[in-house]
Protein backbone atom coordinates (compact mmCIF):
# COMPACT_ATOMS: atom_id res chain seq x y z
CA MET A 1 -51.63 -4.72 -50.25
CA PRO A 2 -48.29 -4.94 -49.07
CA ASP A 3 -46.52 -7.76 -50.52
CA TYR A 4 -46.23 -9.88 -47.46
CA LEU A 5 -46.17 -12.94 -48.75
CA THR A 6 -43.04 -12.41 -50.48
CA THR A 7 -41.58 -10.96 -47.44
CA CYS A 8 -42.86 -14.17 -45.66
CA GLU A 9 -41.21 -16.52 -48.61
CA THR A 10 -38.13 -14.39 -48.33
CA ALA A 11 -37.63 -14.70 -44.94
CA ALA A 12 -38.41 -18.27 -44.80
CA ARG A 13 -35.86 -19.27 -47.48
CA ALA A 14 -33.40 -17.18 -45.62
CA ALA A 15 -34.07 -19.09 -42.00
CA GLY A 16 -33.99 -22.27 -44.44
CA GLN A 17 -30.26 -21.38 -45.72
CA VAL A 18 -29.01 -20.59 -42.17
CA LEU A 19 -30.21 -23.85 -40.91
CA LEU A 20 -28.26 -25.58 -44.01
CA ASP A 21 -25.09 -23.49 -43.11
CA TRP A 22 -25.09 -24.54 -39.86
CA GLN A 23 -25.83 -28.30 -40.07
CA GLY A 24 -23.12 -30.33 -38.17
CA LYS A 25 -21.50 -27.33 -36.94
CA PHE A 26 -23.50 -26.39 -34.10
CA ARG A 27 -23.41 -27.65 -30.14
CA ILE A 28 -26.70 -28.63 -28.54
CA ARG A 29 -28.47 -28.00 -25.40
CA GLU A 30 -31.62 -29.18 -23.83
CA LYS A 31 -34.92 -26.77 -23.10
CA GLY A 32 -36.03 -30.16 -21.89
CA ARG A 33 -35.94 -33.94 -21.80
CA ALA A 34 -36.28 -34.84 -25.87
CA ASP A 35 -36.72 -31.28 -26.68
CA LEU A 36 -33.11 -29.64 -27.93
CA VAL A 37 -32.52 -26.15 -29.09
CA THR A 38 -29.37 -25.18 -31.06
CA GLU A 39 -27.03 -22.14 -32.43
CA ALA A 40 -29.24 -22.81 -35.69
CA ASP A 41 -32.85 -22.13 -33.87
CA VAL A 42 -31.24 -18.81 -32.96
CA GLU A 43 -29.78 -17.56 -35.79
CA SER A 44 -32.36 -18.93 -37.98
CA GLN A 45 -34.96 -16.82 -36.22
CA LYS A 46 -32.60 -13.91 -36.03
CA ALA A 47 -32.45 -14.10 -40.24
CA ILE A 48 -36.57 -14.17 -40.03
CA GLN A 49 -36.67 -11.14 -37.61
CA LYS A 50 -34.24 -8.71 -39.51
CA ILE A 51 -36.12 -9.36 -42.64
CA VAL A 52 -39.68 -9.25 -41.03
CA LEU A 53 -39.13 -6.10 -39.05
CA THR A 54 -36.88 -4.36 -42.01
CA ASP A 55 -40.20 -4.91 -44.32
CA PHE A 56 -42.45 -4.10 -41.60
CA PRO A 57 -41.22 -2.20 -38.54
CA ASP A 58 -44.13 -1.55 -36.96
CA HIS A 59 -45.60 -4.98 -36.78
CA GLY A 60 -44.88 -7.46 -33.62
CA PHE A 61 -43.10 -10.38 -33.98
CA LEU A 62 -43.68 -13.76 -31.94
CA GLY A 63 -40.81 -16.45 -31.99
CA GLU A 64 -40.25 -19.79 -30.64
CA GLU A 65 -36.76 -18.82 -29.41
CA GLU A 66 -37.15 -16.52 -26.57
CA ASP A 67 -37.52 -12.99 -27.17
CA PRO A 68 -37.88 -9.55 -24.92
CA ALA A 69 -40.49 -8.93 -27.40
CA ASN A 70 -42.94 -11.95 -27.68
CA ALA A 71 -44.81 -11.20 -24.49
CA ALA A 72 -46.22 -7.92 -25.81
CA SER A 73 -46.54 -8.92 -29.18
CA ALA A 74 -50.23 -10.00 -29.28
CA GLN A 75 -51.18 -6.47 -28.78
CA TYR A 76 -50.18 -5.58 -32.19
CA GLU A 77 -52.20 -5.15 -35.32
CA TYR A 78 -50.11 -7.13 -37.30
CA ARG A 79 -47.91 -10.19 -35.83
CA TRP A 80 -45.31 -12.76 -37.62
CA ILE A 81 -45.18 -15.73 -35.94
CA ALA A 82 -42.23 -17.81 -36.71
CA ASP A 83 -40.77 -21.39 -35.80
CA PRO A 84 -37.30 -20.85 -37.18
CA LEU A 85 -36.76 -24.75 -37.14
CA ASP A 86 -39.50 -27.28 -36.63
CA GLY A 87 -38.34 -30.72 -36.32
CA THR A 88 -35.11 -29.72 -34.21
CA THR A 89 -34.52 -33.46 -32.98
CA ASN A 90 -34.53 -34.42 -36.54
CA TYR A 91 -32.17 -31.79 -37.30
CA VAL A 92 -29.85 -32.66 -34.72
CA HIS A 93 -29.71 -36.41 -35.96
CA GLY A 94 -29.62 -35.38 -39.68
CA LEU A 95 -32.60 -36.76 -40.53
CA ALA A 96 -33.81 -34.52 -43.56
CA ASN A 97 -37.44 -33.76 -42.48
CA TYR A 98 -37.50 -30.56 -40.71
CA SER A 99 -38.42 -26.70 -42.00
CA VAL A 100 -39.42 -23.32 -41.06
CA SER A 101 -42.60 -22.43 -40.55
CA LEU A 102 -43.83 -18.46 -40.92
CA ALA A 103 -47.07 -16.63 -40.89
CA LEU A 104 -48.62 -13.15 -40.80
CA GLN A 105 -51.30 -12.74 -38.26
CA HIS A 106 -54.08 -9.83 -38.34
CA GLN A 107 -56.07 -9.02 -35.71
CA GLY A 108 -55.70 -12.65 -35.01
CA GLU A 109 -56.52 -14.22 -38.11
CA VAL A 110 -53.52 -15.65 -40.24
CA ILE A 111 -53.57 -14.14 -43.72
CA VAL A 112 -50.22 -15.23 -45.13
CA GLY A 113 -47.94 -18.58 -44.28
CA VAL A 114 -44.96 -20.15 -45.44
CA VAL A 115 -43.69 -23.55 -44.51
CA TYR A 116 -39.98 -24.04 -46.17
CA ASP A 117 -38.09 -27.49 -46.40
CA PRO A 118 -34.64 -26.09 -47.47
CA VAL A 119 -33.07 -29.44 -47.81
CA HIS A 120 -35.44 -30.17 -50.82
CA ASP A 121 -36.09 -26.79 -51.33
CA GLN A 122 -39.94 -26.81 -50.90
CA CYS A 123 -41.50 -23.93 -50.54
CA PHE A 124 -45.43 -24.27 -49.28
CA ALA A 125 -47.03 -20.85 -49.42
CA ALA A 126 -50.51 -19.65 -49.12
CA GLU A 127 -52.20 -16.47 -48.61
CA ARG A 128 -55.88 -16.30 -47.32
CA GLY A 129 -58.31 -16.26 -50.05
CA LYS A 130 -55.78 -16.93 -53.11
CA GLY A 131 -55.31 -20.78 -52.48
CA ALA A 132 -52.07 -22.62 -51.48
CA THR A 133 -48.62 -23.45 -53.62
CA LEU A 134 -45.91 -25.59 -53.56
CA ASN A 135 -42.96 -23.79 -55.58
CA GLY A 136 -45.60 -21.96 -57.42
CA GLU A 137 -47.91 -24.79 -58.39
CA LYS A 138 -51.37 -24.88 -57.06
CA LEU A 139 -51.95 -27.42 -54.08
CA GLN A 140 -55.50 -29.35 -53.47
CA VAL A 141 -56.01 -31.75 -50.65
CA SER A 142 -56.21 -35.64 -51.63
CA GLU A 143 -60.01 -36.96 -52.19
CA ILE A 144 -59.54 -39.82 -49.51
CA VAL A 145 -62.92 -40.16 -47.11
CA ASP A 146 -62.51 -43.27 -45.43
CA LEU A 147 -60.25 -43.98 -42.37
CA GLU A 148 -59.06 -47.41 -43.73
CA GLY A 149 -57.44 -45.61 -46.75
CA ALA A 150 -55.94 -42.75 -45.35
CA LEU A 151 -52.13 -42.21 -44.62
CA VAL A 152 -52.27 -40.63 -41.10
CA ALA A 153 -49.32 -38.39 -39.73
CA ALA A 154 -49.57 -37.23 -35.44
CA SER A 155 -47.27 -35.46 -33.26
CA PHE A 156 -46.87 -36.08 -29.34
CA ALA A 157 -45.29 -33.98 -26.91
CA ALA A 158 -41.75 -33.84 -25.78
CA GLY A 159 -41.14 -36.44 -22.80
CA ILE A 160 -44.48 -38.19 -23.43
CA GLN A 161 -45.74 -40.97 -20.65
CA ARG A 162 -46.58 -44.33 -21.61
CA ASP A 163 -49.92 -43.70 -20.12
CA SER A 164 -50.30 -40.34 -22.39
CA PRO A 165 -54.02 -40.18 -24.21
CA GLU A 166 -51.79 -39.30 -27.10
CA ILE A 167 -50.66 -42.93 -26.96
CA GLN A 168 -54.18 -44.68 -26.74
CA GLN A 169 -55.36 -42.54 -29.54
CA PHE A 170 -52.46 -43.53 -32.04
CA VAL A 171 -52.99 -47.09 -31.30
CA GLU A 172 -56.50 -46.83 -31.75
CA VAL A 173 -56.12 -44.82 -35.12
CA LEU A 174 -53.03 -47.17 -36.01
CA VAL A 175 -55.39 -50.21 -36.10
CA ARG A 176 -58.13 -48.42 -37.97
CA CYS A 177 -56.23 -46.72 -41.01
CA GLN A 178 -53.77 -47.56 -43.93
CA ALA A 179 -51.09 -46.38 -42.12
CA MET A 180 -49.39 -44.31 -39.44
CA ARG A 181 -46.53 -42.19 -39.76
CA ARG A 182 -44.76 -39.75 -36.63
CA LEU A 183 -42.64 -37.46 -39.13
CA GLY A 184 -41.01 -35.05 -36.72
CA SER A 185 -42.54 -31.70 -38.18
CA ALA A 186 -45.70 -30.52 -37.41
CA ALA A 187 -45.40 -27.37 -40.01
CA LEU A 188 -44.67 -30.21 -42.43
CA ASN A 189 -46.87 -32.54 -41.52
CA LEU A 190 -49.70 -29.90 -42.38
CA ALA A 191 -48.09 -28.94 -45.47
CA TYR A 192 -48.56 -32.83 -46.40
CA VAL A 193 -51.52 -32.52 -46.10
CA ALA A 194 -52.41 -29.43 -48.32
CA ALA A 195 -50.50 -31.22 -50.89
CA GLY A 196 -52.36 -34.55 -50.81
CA ILE A 197 -49.21 -36.54 -49.36
CA LEU A 198 -50.79 -37.08 -46.37
CA ASP A 199 -54.62 -37.52 -46.28
CA ALA A 200 -54.94 -36.57 -42.13
CA TYR A 201 -52.92 -35.15 -39.33
CA TRP A 202 -53.70 -34.46 -35.57
CA ALA A 203 -51.38 -32.83 -32.51
CA SER A 204 -52.55 -32.15 -29.21
CA SER A 205 -49.44 -30.79 -27.83
CA VAL A 206 -48.43 -28.36 -30.31
CA LYS A 207 -47.62 -24.28 -30.04
CA ILE A 208 -49.17 -21.73 -32.35
CA TRP A 209 -45.73 -21.04 -34.03
CA ASP A 210 -45.90 -24.98 -35.31
CA VAL A 211 -48.81 -24.71 -36.55
CA ALA A 212 -49.88 -20.85 -38.01
CA ALA A 213 -48.67 -21.32 -41.17
CA GLY A 214 -49.62 -25.21 -41.73
CA VAL A 215 -53.32 -24.41 -40.94
CA LEU A 216 -53.67 -21.93 -43.51
CA LEU A 217 -51.99 -24.22 -46.09
CA VAL A 218 -54.63 -26.84 -45.38
CA GLU A 219 -57.87 -24.21 -45.44
CA GLU A 220 -56.62 -22.66 -48.80
CA ALA A 221 -56.08 -26.26 -50.41
CA GLY A 222 -59.50 -27.43 -49.43
CA GLY A 223 -58.83 -29.28 -46.56
CA VAL A 224 -60.70 -29.59 -42.96
CA ILE A 225 -59.34 -27.79 -39.93
CA ARG A 226 -60.75 -28.51 -36.09
CA GLY A 227 -59.91 -28.75 -32.91
CA VAL A 228 -58.83 -32.26 -31.75
CA GLY A 229 -62.15 -32.33 -29.90
CA GLY A 230 -64.55 -31.40 -33.20
CA GLU A 231 -64.76 -27.47 -31.76
CA PRO A 232 -63.39 -24.70 -34.14
CA PHE A 233 -59.71 -24.09 -34.14
CA ASP A 234 -58.82 -21.83 -31.45
CA TRP A 235 -55.34 -20.08 -31.92
CA ASN A 236 -54.98 -19.62 -28.39
CA ARG A 237 -55.48 -23.72 -27.67
CA PRO A 238 -54.01 -24.85 -31.33
CA LYS A 239 -54.76 -28.49 -30.44
CA VAL A 240 -55.68 -29.69 -34.17
CA VAL A 241 -56.86 -32.27 -36.36
CA ALA A 242 -56.82 -31.61 -40.22
CA THR A 243 -57.92 -33.61 -42.81
CA SER A 244 -58.82 -33.65 -46.46
CA THR A 245 -62.26 -34.31 -46.65
CA GLN A 246 -65.11 -33.55 -43.59
CA ALA A 247 -66.13 -37.30 -44.41
CA LEU A 248 -62.47 -38.26 -43.26
CA HIS A 249 -62.17 -35.56 -40.33
CA ASP A 250 -65.58 -37.22 -39.03
CA GLN A 251 -63.94 -40.66 -38.64
CA LEU A 252 -60.78 -39.53 -37.53
CA GLN A 253 -62.38 -37.48 -34.48
CA ALA A 254 -64.79 -40.50 -33.73
CA VAL A 255 -62.03 -42.75 -33.09
CA ILE A 256 -59.59 -40.26 -31.03
CA GLN A 257 -62.61 -39.43 -28.98
CA THR A 258 -62.92 -42.93 -28.24
């Protein structure tokens, strides 16, 4: 088998270096209220695309930043899925919690994934059936089984409204768990669940490029991945609940469904 993981890590690291190089030098434009895009996003994606399509020119490519090939990318047997800057708002404000997320999908199943934190040089990597690692060291989810002892993270949609169900879910979990966090990078949240740093994470308003690599990380580290309603996770509707254990998953699902 070709060494997809090496290409994935190389591309993610190259994109991360682009983000570091651009820090503080970019101009900002808005895609929507509280939804920012920068030159850094675009240049980071170009770096990823150049590396993966040089190594595998017959593969498709889906990136968060608009690309003419996106519409046709699902037709490829192999497709790279990239978020060149997950945590843009953090990045723009100088908050050191952002990442590059890159995954390879084969016939609809993610087989390789990397989430790279360039600030701390942390490379979370996974290959289906071969486990997950952080800078080469094996990852394992936590053993937390009770929500009251869990550190939980959540993501909200850009421009969320006061009466959104997500806000009510957040409050219900907040009063039942040990502590809640909103860190600003879905990819890193999932990587942290895989590493046992977070015990659970859920998001109702994410895209496939936000979670493709992270979902594989959690699965390969022994965690539980389901849809927000408890259904099997669907790549076409990537609402996700990630937990360290099945018992914790059941408790969290029960709360967010109330």
